[in-house]
All heavy atoms as atom14 arrays in JSON, in Angstrom:
{
  "sequence": "KLTITNQNLICLMGSIGRTLRPPEEHEQEQHYFFTNTALCMRRSN",
  "atom14_mask": [
    [1, 1, 1, 1, 1, 1, 1, 1, 1, 0, 0, 0, 0, 0],
    [1, 1, 1, 1, 1, 1, 1, 1, 0, 0, 0, 0, 0, 0],
    [1, 1, 1, 1, 1, 1, 1, 0, 0, 0, 0, 0, 0, 0],
    [1, 1, 1, 1, 1, 1, 1, 1, 0, 0, 0, 0, 0, 0],
    [1, 1, 1, 1, 1, 1, 1, 0, 0, 0, 0, 0, 0, 0],
    [1, 1, 1, 1, 1, 1, 1, 1, 0, 0, 0, 0, 0, 0],
    [1, 1, 1, 1, 1, 1, 1, 1, 1, 0, 0, 0, 0, 0],
    [1, 1, 1, 1, 1, 1, 1, 1, 0, 0, 0, 0, 0, 0],
    [1, 1, 1, 1, 1, 1, 1, 1, 0, 0, 0, 0, 0, 0],
    [1, 1, 1, 1, 1, 1, 1, 1, 0, 0, 0, 0, 0, 0],
    [1, 1, 1, 1, 1, 1, 0, 0, 0, 0, 0, 0, 0, 0],
    [1, 1, 1, 1, 1, 1, 1, 1, 0, 0, 0, 0, 0, 0],
    [1, 1, 1, 1, 1, 1, 1, 1, 0, 0, 0, 0, 0, 0],
    [1, 1, 1, 1, 0, 0, 0, 0, 0, 0, 0, 0, 0, 0],
    [1, 1, 1, 1, 1, 1, 0, 0, 0, 0, 0, 0, 0, 0],
    [1, 1, 1, 1, 1, 1, 1, 1, 0, 0, 0, 0, 0, 0],
    [1, 1, 1, 1, 0, 0, 0, 0, 0, 0, 0, 0, 0, 0],
    [1, 1, 1, 1, 1, 1, 1, 1, 1, 1, 1, 0, 0, 0],
    [1, 1, 1, 1, 1, 1, 1, 0, 0, 0, 0, 0, 0, 0],
    [1, 1, 1, 1, 1, 1, 1, 1, 0, 0, 0, 0, 0, 0],
    [1, 1, 1, 1, 1, 1, 1, 1, 1, 1, 1, 0, 0, 0],
    [1, 1, 1, 1, 1, 1, 1, 0, 0, 0, 0, 0, 0, 0],
    [1, 1, 1, 1, 1, 1, 1, 0, 0, 0, 0, 0, 0, 0],
    [1, 1, 1, 1, 1, 1, 1, 1, 1, 0, 0, 0, 0, 0],
    [1, 1, 1, 1, 1, 1, 1, 1, 1, 0, 0, 0, 0, 0],
    [1, 1, 1, 1, 1, 1, 1, 1, 1, 1, 0, 0, 0, 0],
    [1, 1, 1, 1, 1, 1, 1, 1, 1, 0, 0, 0, 0, 0],
    [1, 1, 1, 1, 1, 1, 1, 1, 1, 0, 0, 0, 0, 0],
    [1, 1, 1, 1, 1, 1, 1, 1, 1, 0, 0, 0, 0, 0],
    [1, 1, 1, 1, 1, 1, 1, 1, 1, 0, 0, 0, 0, 0],
    [1, 1, 1, 1, 1, 1, 1, 1, 1, 1, 0, 0, 0, 0],
    [1, 1, 1, 1, 1, 1, 1, 1, 1, 1, 1, 1, 0, 0],
    [1, 1, 1, 1, 1, 1, 1, 1, 1, 1, 1, 0, 0, 0],
    [1, 1, 1, 1, 1, 1, 1, 1, 1, 1, 1, 0, 0, 0],
    [1, 1, 1, 1, 1, 1, 1, 0, 0, 0, 0, 0, 0, 0],
    [1, 1, 1, 1, 1, 1, 1, 1, 0, 0, 0, 0, 0, 0],
    [1, 1, 1, 1, 1, 1, 1, 0, 0, 0, 0, 0, 0, 0],
    [1, 1, 1, 1, 1, 0, 0, 0, 0, 0, 0, 0, 0, 0],
    [1, 1, 1, 1, 1, 1, 1, 1, 0, 0, 0, 0, 0, 0],
    [1, 1, 1, 1, 1, 1, 0, 0, 0, 0, 0, 0, 0, 0],
    [1, 1, 1, 1, 1, 1, 1, 1, 0, 0, 0, 0, 0, 0],
    [1, 1, 1, 1, 1, 1, 1, 1, 1, 1, 1, 0, 0, 0],
    [1, 1, 1, 1, 1, 1, 1, 1, 1, 1, 1, 0, 0, 0],
    [1, 1, 1, 1, 1, 1, 0, 0, 0, 0, 0, 0, 0, 0],
    [1, 1, 1, 1, 1, 1, 1, 1, 0, 0, 0, 0, 0, 0]
  ],
  "atom14_positions": [
    [[-72.65, 207.44, 120.36], [-73.51, 208.62, 120.82], [-74.39, 208.19, 121.91], [-74.51, 207.03, 122.26], [-74.42, 208.78, 119.5], [-75.18, 207.75, 118.95], [-75.94, 208.09, 117.65], [-76.7, 206.93, 117.14], [-77.47, 207.29, 115.99], [0.0, 0.0, 0.0], [0.0, 0.0, 0.0], [0.0, 0.0, 0.0], [0.0, 0.0, 0.0], [0.0, 0.0, 0.0]],
    [[-74.93, 209.14, 122.53], [-75.82, 208.92, 123.72], [-77.18, 208.46, 123.31], [-78.11, 209.19, 123.27], [-75.83, 210.16, 124.67], [-76.32, 209.95, 126.07], [-75.51, 208.97, 126.69], [-76.13, 211.24, 126.74], [0.0, 0.0, 0.0], [0.0, 0.0, 0.0], [0.0, 0.0, 0.0], [0.0, 0.0, 0.0], [0.0, 0.0, 0.0], [0.0, 0.0, 0.0]],
    [[-77.38, 207.13, 122.94], [-78.69, 206.56, 122.66], [-79.4, 206.23, 124.0], [-78.84, 206.34, 125.03], [-78.52, 205.17, 121.94], [-77.64, 204.38, 122.75], [-77.71, 205.45, 120.55], [0.0, 0.0, 0.0], [0.0, 0.0, 0.0], [0.0, 0.0, 0.0], [0.0, 0.0, 0.0], [0.0, 0.0, 0.0], [0.0, 0.0, 0.0], [0.0, 0.0, 0.0]],
    [[-80.56, 205.87, 123.88], [-81.44, 205.51, 125.05], [-80.65, 204.28, 125.69], [-80.49, 204.33, 126.9], [-82.89, 205.16, 124.61], [-83.57, 206.38, 124.25], [-83.54, 204.35, 125.75], [-84.97, 206.26, 123.73], [0.0, 0.0, 0.0], [0.0, 0.0, 0.0], [0.0, 0.0, 0.0], [0.0, 0.0, 0.0], [0.0, 0.0, 0.0], [0.0, 0.0, 0.0]],
    [[-80.22, 203.35, 124.98], [-79.58, 202.3, 125.49], [-78.3, 202.71, 126.38], [-78.01, 202.31, 127.41], [-79.0, 201.34, 124.45], [-80.14, 200.69, 123.73], [-78.2, 200.08, 125.02], [0.0, 0.0, 0.0], [0.0, 0.0, 0.0], [0.0, 0.0, 0.0], [0.0, 0.0, 0.0], [0.0, 0.0, 0.0], [0.0, 0.0, 0.0], [0.0, 0.0, 0.0]],
    [[-77.46, 203.64, 125.7], [-76.26, 204.09, 126.38], [-76.69, 204.94, 127.58], [-76.1, 204.83, 128.73], [-75.46, 205.12, 125.48], [-74.83, 204.27, 124.36], [-74.58, 203.11, 124.47], [-74.32, 205.05, 123.32], [0.0, 0.0, 0.0], [0.0, 0.0, 0.0], [0.0, 0.0, 0.0], [0.0, 0.0, 0.0], [0.0, 0.0, 0.0], [0.0, 0.0, 0.0]],
    [[-77.62, 205.64, 127.57], [-78.18, 206.49, 128.8], [-78.59, 205.39, 129.84], [-78.14, 205.65, 131.08], [-79.45, 207.26, 128.37], [-79.16, 208.52, 127.55], [-80.41, 209.18, 127.13], [-81.45, 209.08, 127.67], [-80.31, 209.97, 126.05], [0.0, 0.0, 0.0], [0.0, 0.0, 0.0], [0.0, 0.0, 0.0], [0.0, 0.0, 0.0], [0.0, 0.0, 0.0]],
    [[-79.34, 204.46, 129.51], [-79.74, 203.34, 130.49], [-78.4, 202.66, 131.02], [-78.49, 202.25, 132.13], [-80.75, 202.59, 129.88], [-82.13, 203.18, 129.64], [-82.41, 204.26, 130.25], [-82.98, 202.61, 128.95], [0.0, 0.0, 0.0], [0.0, 0.0, 0.0], [0.0, 0.0, 0.0], [0.0, 0.0, 0.0], [0.0, 0.0, 0.0], [0.0, 0.0, 0.0]],
    [[-77.53, 202.26, 130.21], [-76.33, 201.58, 130.71], [-75.64, 202.48, 131.78], [-75.08, 202.05, 132.76], [-75.31, 201.36, 129.48], [-75.6, 200.08, 128.66], [-74.76, 200.05, 127.53], [-75.54, 198.81, 129.7], [0.0, 0.0, 0.0], [0.0, 0.0, 0.0], [0.0, 0.0, 0.0], [0.0, 0.0, 0.0], [0.0, 0.0, 0.0], [0.0, 0.0, 0.0]],
    [[-75.56, 203.83, 131.46], [-74.88, 204.79, 132.48], [-75.71, 204.67, 133.81], [-75.13, 204.6, 134.84], [-74.83, 206.14, 131.89], [-73.86, 206.23, 130.64], [-74.64, 207.2, 132.93], [-73.9, 207.38, 129.87], [0.0, 0.0, 0.0], [0.0, 0.0, 0.0], [0.0, 0.0, 0.0], [0.0, 0.0, 0.0], [0.0, 0.0, 0.0], [0.0, 0.0, 0.0]],
    [[-76.97, 204.71, 133.73], [-77.85, 204.65, 134.89], [-77.74, 203.29, 135.59], [-77.55, 203.3, 136.79], [-79.33, 204.92, 134.57], [-79.76, 206.62, 134.01], [0.0, 0.0, 0.0], [0.0, 0.0, 0.0], [0.0, 0.0, 0.0], [0.0, 0.0, 0.0], [0.0, 0.0, 0.0], [0.0, 0.0, 0.0], [0.0, 0.0, 0.0], [0.0, 0.0, 0.0]],
    [[-77.78, 202.27, 134.93], [-77.51, 200.95, 135.5], [-76.21, 200.7, 136.16], [-76.08, 200.1, 137.23], [-77.85, 199.85, 134.54], [-79.51, 199.79, 134.13], [-79.58, 198.96, 132.81], [-80.21, 199.25, 135.29], [0.0, 0.0, 0.0], [0.0, 0.0, 0.0], [0.0, 0.0, 0.0], [0.0, 0.0, 0.0], [0.0, 0.0, 0.0], [0.0, 0.0, 0.0]],
    [[-75.16, 201.1, 135.5], [-73.83, 201.05, 136.04], [-73.77, 201.95, 137.42], [-73.24, 201.51, 138.33], [-72.83, 201.46, 135.06], [-72.63, 200.54, 133.92], [-71.82, 198.94, 134.46], [-70.15, 199.49, 134.47], [0.0, 0.0, 0.0], [0.0, 0.0, 0.0], [0.0, 0.0, 0.0], [0.0, 0.0, 0.0], [0.0, 0.0, 0.0], [0.0, 0.0, 0.0]],
    [[-74.4, 203.12, 137.35], [-74.52, 203.99, 138.56], [-75.26, 203.34, 139.6], [-74.91, 203.46, 140.8], [0.0, 0.0, 0.0], [0.0, 0.0, 0.0], [0.0, 0.0, 0.0], [0.0, 0.0, 0.0], [0.0, 0.0, 0.0], [0.0, 0.0, 0.0], [0.0, 0.0, 0.0], [0.0, 0.0, 0.0], [0.0, 0.0, 0.0], [0.0, 0.0, 0.0]],
    [[-76.36, 202.51, 139.33], [-77.03, 201.83, 140.33], [-76.27, 200.76, 141.12], [-76.57, 200.39, 142.23], [-78.32, 201.25, 139.77], [-78.03, 200.07, 139.08], [0.0, 0.0, 0.0], [0.0, 0.0, 0.0], [0.0, 0.0, 0.0], [0.0, 0.0, 0.0], [0.0, 0.0, 0.0], [0.0, 0.0, 0.0], [0.0, 0.0, 0.0], [0.0, 0.0, 0.0]],
    [[-75.11, 200.29, 140.53], [-74.28, 199.46, 141.14], [-72.98, 200.11, 141.63], [-71.98, 199.34, 141.88], [-74.03, 198.12, 140.29], [-73.25, 198.46, 139.06], [-75.26, 197.37, 140.1], [-72.77, 197.27, 138.23], [0.0, 0.0, 0.0], [0.0, 0.0, 0.0], [0.0, 0.0, 0.0], [0.0, 0.0, 0.0], [0.0, 0.0, 0.0], [0.0, 0.0, 0.0]],
    [[-72.89, 201.39, 141.64], [-71.8, 202.15, 142.12], [-70.62, 202.34, 141.2], [-69.59, 202.49, 141.67], [0.0, 0.0, 0.0], [0.0, 0.0, 0.0], [0.0, 0.0, 0.0], [0.0, 0.0, 0.0], [0.0, 0.0, 0.0], [0.0, 0.0, 0.0], [0.0, 0.0, 0.0], [0.0, 0.0, 0.0], [0.0, 0.0, 0.0], [0.0, 0.0, 0.0]],
    [[-70.81, 202.23, 139.92], [-69.77, 202.35, 138.89], [-70.11, 203.52, 138.06], [-71.3, 203.8, 137.64], [-69.74, 201.15, 138.09], [-69.46, 199.82, 138.72], [-68.11, 199.91, 139.28], [-67.56, 198.67, 139.69], [-67.85, 197.87, 140.78], [-68.77, 198.39, 141.53], [-67.16, 196.82, 141.13], [0.0, 0.0, 0.0], [0.0, 0.0, 0.0], [0.0, 0.0, 0.0]],
    [[-69.08, 204.37, 137.79], [-69.28, 205.49, 137.02], [-68.94, 205.19, 135.57], [-67.88, 204.73, 135.24], [-68.38, 206.59, 137.54], [-68.7, 207.02, 138.87], [-68.53, 208.05, 136.71], [0.0, 0.0, 0.0], [0.0, 0.0, 0.0], [0.0, 0.0, 0.0], [0.0, 0.0, 0.0], [0.0, 0.0, 0.0], [0.0, 0.0, 0.0], [0.0, 0.0, 0.0]],
    [[-69.96, 205.41, 134.67], [-69.69, 205.21, 133.32], [-70.03, 206.6, 132.6], [-71.25, 207.07, 132.85], [-70.65, 204.1, 132.79], [-70.48, 203.79, 131.37], [-69.03, 203.29, 131.01], [-71.49, 202.67, 130.88], [0.0, 0.0, 0.0], [0.0, 0.0, 0.0], [0.0, 0.0, 0.0], [0.0, 0.0, 0.0], [0.0, 0.0, 0.0], [0.0, 0.0, 0.0]],
    [[-69.27, 207.11, 131.9], [-69.52, 208.47, 131.38], [-70.05, 208.15, 129.87], [-69.92, 207.15, 129.28], [-68.11, 209.23, 131.15], [-67.59, 209.51, 132.51], [-66.65, 210.74, 132.63], [-65.99, 210.87, 133.81], [-66.58, 211.44, 134.89], [-67.94, 211.72, 134.91], [-65.97, 211.63, 136.08], [0.0, 0.0, 0.0], [0.0, 0.0, 0.0], [0.0, 0.0, 0.0]],
    [[-70.68, 209.28, 129.34], [-71.13, 209.05, 127.95], [-70.05, 208.71, 126.99], [-68.96, 209.03, 127.12], [-71.7, 210.5, 127.6], [-72.08, 211.08, 128.91], [-70.9, 210.56, 129.86], [0.0, 0.0, 0.0], [0.0, 0.0, 0.0], [0.0, 0.0, 0.0], [0.0, 0.0, 0.0], [0.0, 0.0, 0.0], [0.0, 0.0, 0.0], [0.0, 0.0, 0.0]],
    [[-70.45, 207.97, 125.79], [-69.31, 207.38, 124.95], [-68.42, 208.44, 124.22], [-67.36, 208.2, 124.05], [-70.23, 206.65, 123.97], [-71.66, 206.96, 124.15], [-71.84, 207.58, 125.55], [0.0, 0.0, 0.0], [0.0, 0.0, 0.0], [0.0, 0.0, 0.0], [0.0, 0.0, 0.0], [0.0, 0.0, 0.0], [0.0, 0.0, 0.0], [0.0, 0.0, 0.0]],
    [[-68.98, 209.66, 124.15], [-68.2, 210.64, 123.53], [-67.08, 211.26, 124.45], [-66.2, 211.91, 124.02], [-69.05, 211.91, 122.97], [-69.8, 212.5, 123.92], [-71.15, 212.03, 124.34], [-71.49, 210.9, 123.79], [-71.92, 212.6, 125.07], [0.0, 0.0, 0.0], [0.0, 0.0, 0.0], [0.0, 0.0, 0.0], [0.0, 0.0, 0.0], [0.0, 0.0, 0.0]],
    [[-67.28, 210.91, 125.8], [-66.23, 211.33, 126.72], [-65.13, 210.22, 126.84], [-65.45, 209.11, 127.18], [-66.69, 211.59, 128.08], [-67.74, 212.75, 128.09], [-68.16, 212.99, 129.46], [-67.43, 212.74, 130.49], [-69.33, 213.63, 129.53], [0.0, 0.0, 0.0], [0.0, 0.0, 0.0], [0.0, 0.0, 0.0], [0.0, 0.0, 0.0], [0.0, 0.0, 0.0]],
    [[-63.93, 210.49, 126.34], [-62.98, 209.41, 126.22], [-62.37, 209.07, 127.53], [-61.76, 208.13, 127.69], [-61.9, 209.85, 125.15], [-62.5, 209.91, 123.71], [-62.99, 208.84, 123.15], [-62.74, 211.09, 123.13], [-63.42, 209.22, 122.01], [-63.38, 210.57, 121.91], [0.0, 0.0, 0.0], [0.0, 0.0, 0.0], [0.0, 0.0, 0.0], [0.0, 0.0, 0.0]],
    [[-62.41, 210.0, 128.6], [-61.8, 209.87, 129.76], [-62.8, 209.18, 130.8], [-63.73, 209.72, 131.27], [-61.29, 211.13, 130.45], [-60.3, 211.77, 129.6], [-58.91, 211.1, 129.61], [-58.61, 210.38, 130.63], [-58.34, 211.03, 128.67], [0.0, 0.0, 0.0], [0.0, 0.0, 0.0], [0.0, 0.0, 0.0], [0.0, 0.0, 0.0], [0.0, 0.0, 0.0]],
    [[-62.55, 207.76, 131.03], [-63.45, 207.07, 131.86], [-62.62, 206.77, 133.12], [-61.43, 206.67, 133.14], [-63.87, 205.69, 131.24], [-64.55, 205.83, 129.86], [-66.06, 206.31, 130.16], [-66.68, 206.11, 131.22], [-66.6, 206.86, 129.06], [0.0, 0.0, 0.0], [0.0, 0.0, 0.0], [0.0, 0.0, 0.0], [0.0, 0.0, 0.0], [0.0, 0.0, 0.0]],
    [[-63.43, 206.67, 134.31], [-62.67, 206.48, 135.58], [-62.27, 205.09, 135.65], [-61.23, 204.76, 136.29], [-63.67, 206.83, 136.62], [-63.99, 208.33, 136.82], [-64.88, 208.68, 137.94], [-65.0, 207.86, 138.79], [-65.43, 209.85, 137.89], [0.0, 0.0, 0.0], [0.0, 0.0, 0.0], [0.0, 0.0, 0.0], [0.0, 0.0, 0.0], [0.0, 0.0, 0.0]],
    [[-62.91, 204.17, 135.04], [-62.54, 202.71, 135.12], [-62.72, 202.25, 133.73], [-63.26, 202.89, 132.79], [-63.43, 201.85, 136.05], [-63.27, 202.24, 137.42], [-64.14, 201.51, 138.23], [-64.99, 200.62, 137.9], [-63.95, 201.52, 139.64], [0.0, 0.0, 0.0], [0.0, 0.0, 0.0], [0.0, 0.0, 0.0], [0.0, 0.0, 0.0], [0.0, 0.0, 0.0]],
    [[-62.1, 201.07, 133.31], [-62.16, 200.55, 132.04], [-63.12, 199.47, 131.7], [-63.13, 198.52, 132.5], [-60.57, 199.88, 131.71], [-59.54, 200.93, 131.72], [-59.31, 201.89, 130.73], [-58.73, 201.29, 132.69], [-58.26, 202.6, 131.06], [-57.84, 202.28, 132.25], [0.0, 0.0, 0.0], [0.0, 0.0, 0.0], [0.0, 0.0, 0.0], [0.0, 0.0, 0.0]],
    [[-64.03, 199.9, 130.8], [-65.13, 198.91, 130.44], [-64.97, 198.88, 128.87], [-64.66, 199.8, 128.3], [-66.52, 199.41, 130.88], [-66.66, 199.63, 132.39], [-66.64, 200.93, 132.88], [-66.62, 198.58, 133.26], [-66.66, 201.19, 134.41], [-66.69, 198.71, 134.59], [-66.66, 200.06, 135.17], [-66.85, 200.22, 136.52], [0.0, 0.0, 0.0], [0.0, 0.0, 0.0]],
    [[-65.35, 197.7, 128.4], [-65.29, 197.44, 126.89], [-66.57, 196.99, 126.52], [-67.18, 196.12, 127.11], [-64.07, 196.41, 126.6], [-64.0, 196.22, 125.23], [-63.21, 197.02, 124.42], [-64.7, 195.14, 124.61], [-63.07, 196.67, 123.1], [-64.53, 194.93, 123.19], [-63.69, 195.74, 122.38], [0.0, 0.0, 0.0], [0.0, 0.0, 0.0], [0.0, 0.0, 0.0]],
    [[-67.08, 197.76, 125.57], [-68.46, 197.54, 125.03], [-68.3, 197.08, 123.5], [-67.59, 197.65, 122.78], [-69.44, 198.66, 125.16], [-69.75, 199.07, 126.57], [-68.8, 199.84, 127.25], [-70.86, 198.59, 127.19], [-69.12, 200.15, 128.62], [-71.07, 198.86, 128.48], [-70.3, 199.73, 129.17], [0.0, 0.0, 0.0], [0.0, 0.0, 0.0], [0.0, 0.0, 0.0]],
    [[-69.2, 196.08, 123.22], [-69.08, 195.66, 121.78], [-70.46, 194.97, 121.44], [-71.17, 194.59, 122.44], [-67.99, 194.71, 121.54], [-67.92, 194.5, 120.09], [-68.05, 193.34, 122.2], [0.0, 0.0, 0.0], [0.0, 0.0, 0.0], [0.0, 0.0, 0.0], [0.0, 0.0, 0.0], [0.0, 0.0, 0.0], [0.0, 0.0, 0.0], [0.0, 0.0, 0.0]],
    [[-70.82, 194.87, 120.31], [-71.93, 194.0, 119.83], [-71.47, 192.64, 119.6], [-70.3, 192.41, 119.15], [-72.61, 194.63, 118.55], [-73.31, 195.86, 118.88], [-74.02, 196.02, 119.85], [-73.21, 196.87, 118.01], [0.0, 0.0, 0.0], [0.0, 0.0, 0.0], [0.0, 0.0, 0.0], [0.0, 0.0, 0.0], [0.0, 0.0, 0.0], [0.0, 0.0, 0.0]],
    [[-72.35, 191.64, 119.72], [-72.02, 190.32, 119.42], [-72.02, 189.95, 117.96], [-71.51, 189.08, 117.45], [-72.86, 189.28, 120.09], [-74.2, 189.47, 119.9], [-72.57, 189.26, 121.63], [0.0, 0.0, 0.0], [0.0, 0.0, 0.0], [0.0, 0.0, 0.0], [0.0, 0.0, 0.0], [0.0, 0.0, 0.0], [0.0, 0.0, 0.0], [0.0, 0.0, 0.0]],
    [[-72.78, 190.95, 117.23], [-72.79, 190.89, 115.8], [-71.95, 192.13, 115.4], [-72.33, 193.18, 115.6], [-74.19, 190.97, 115.21], [0.0, 0.0, 0.0], [0.0, 0.0, 0.0], [0.0, 0.0, 0.0], [0.0, 0.0, 0.0], [0.0, 0.0, 0.0], [0.0, 0.0, 0.0], [0.0, 0.0, 0.0], [0.0, 0.0, 0.0], [0.0, 0.0, 0.0]],
    [[-70.8, 191.89, 114.84], [-69.77, 192.92, 114.67], [-70.03, 193.67, 113.28], [-69.35, 194.67, 113.08], [-68.33, 192.47, 114.86], [-68.13, 191.75, 116.1], [-66.67, 191.16, 116.15], [-68.2, 192.83, 117.22], [0.0, 0.0, 0.0], [0.0, 0.0, 0.0], [0.0, 0.0, 0.0], [0.0, 0.0, 0.0], [0.0, 0.0, 0.0], [0.0, 0.0, 0.0]],
    [[-70.96, 193.17, 112.49], [-71.14, 193.69, 111.17], [-71.94, 195.11, 111.27], [-72.64, 195.29, 112.13], [-72.12, 192.63, 110.35], [-71.56, 190.99, 110.51], [0.0, 0.0, 0.0], [0.0, 0.0, 0.0], [0.0, 0.0, 0.0], [0.0, 0.0, 0.0], [0.0, 0.0, 0.0], [0.0, 0.0, 0.0], [0.0, 0.0, 0.0], [0.0, 0.0, 0.0]],
    [[-71.68, 195.8, 110.31], [-72.27, 197.21, 110.25], [-73.69, 196.95, 109.55], [-73.91, 196.08, 108.69], [-71.54, 198.06, 109.37], [-70.21, 198.39, 109.83], [-70.21, 199.71, 111.23], [-70.89, 201.02, 110.41], [0.0, 0.0, 0.0], [0.0, 0.0, 0.0], [0.0, 0.0, 0.0], [0.0, 0.0, 0.0], [0.0, 0.0, 0.0], [0.0, 0.0, 0.0]],
    [[-74.71, 197.69, 110.01], [-76.08, 197.69, 109.44], [-75.95, 198.63, 108.23], [-75.27, 199.68, 108.22], [-77.01, 198.23, 110.41], [-77.12, 197.37, 111.59], [-78.15, 198.04, 112.51], [-78.13, 197.43, 113.75], [-79.15, 196.81, 114.4], [-80.25, 196.81, 113.73], [-79.05, 196.14, 115.46], [0.0, 0.0, 0.0], [0.0, 0.0, 0.0], [0.0, 0.0, 0.0]],
    [[-76.77, 198.27, 107.21], [-76.94, 199.1, 106.05], [-78.09, 200.12, 106.18], [-77.95, 201.16, 105.68], [-77.17, 198.34, 104.86], [-76.03, 197.42, 104.34], [-76.32, 196.61, 103.25], [-75.13, 195.71, 102.96], [-74.74, 195.47, 101.67], [-75.51, 195.86, 100.71], [-73.73, 194.66, 101.56], [0.0, 0.0, 0.0], [0.0, 0.0, 0.0], [0.0, 0.0, 0.0]],
    [[-79.0, 199.89, 107.05], [-80.07, 200.88, 107.36], [-79.59, 201.77, 108.39], [-78.7, 201.59, 109.23], [-81.3, 200.06, 107.71], [-81.11, 199.62, 108.98], [0.0, 0.0, 0.0], [0.0, 0.0, 0.0], [0.0, 0.0, 0.0], [0.0, 0.0, 0.0], [0.0, 0.0, 0.0], [0.0, 0.0, 0.0], [0.0, 0.0, 0.0], [0.0, 0.0, 0.0]],
    [[-80.34, 202.73, 108.62], [-80.12, 203.78, 109.69], [-80.74, 203.42, 110.98], [-80.7, 204.09, 112.05], [-80.73, 205.22, 109.26], [-79.95, 205.74, 108.13], [-78.71, 205.51, 107.99], [-80.57, 206.53, 107.3], [0.0, 0.0, 0.0], [0.0, 0.0, 0.0], [0.0, 0.0, 0.0], [0.0, 0.0, 0.0], [0.0, 0.0, 0.0], [0.0, 0.0, 0.0]]
  ]
}
């Protein structure tokens, strides 16, 4: 989902000339892979 972090990542990638679309758009112009270093799910919201 388009969180503040995701919005800011889109802006920061844009600042270096890279197009990053919102996560719900599956068609990306280039391939980037995002993950958390803690892969576990949170129990809280």
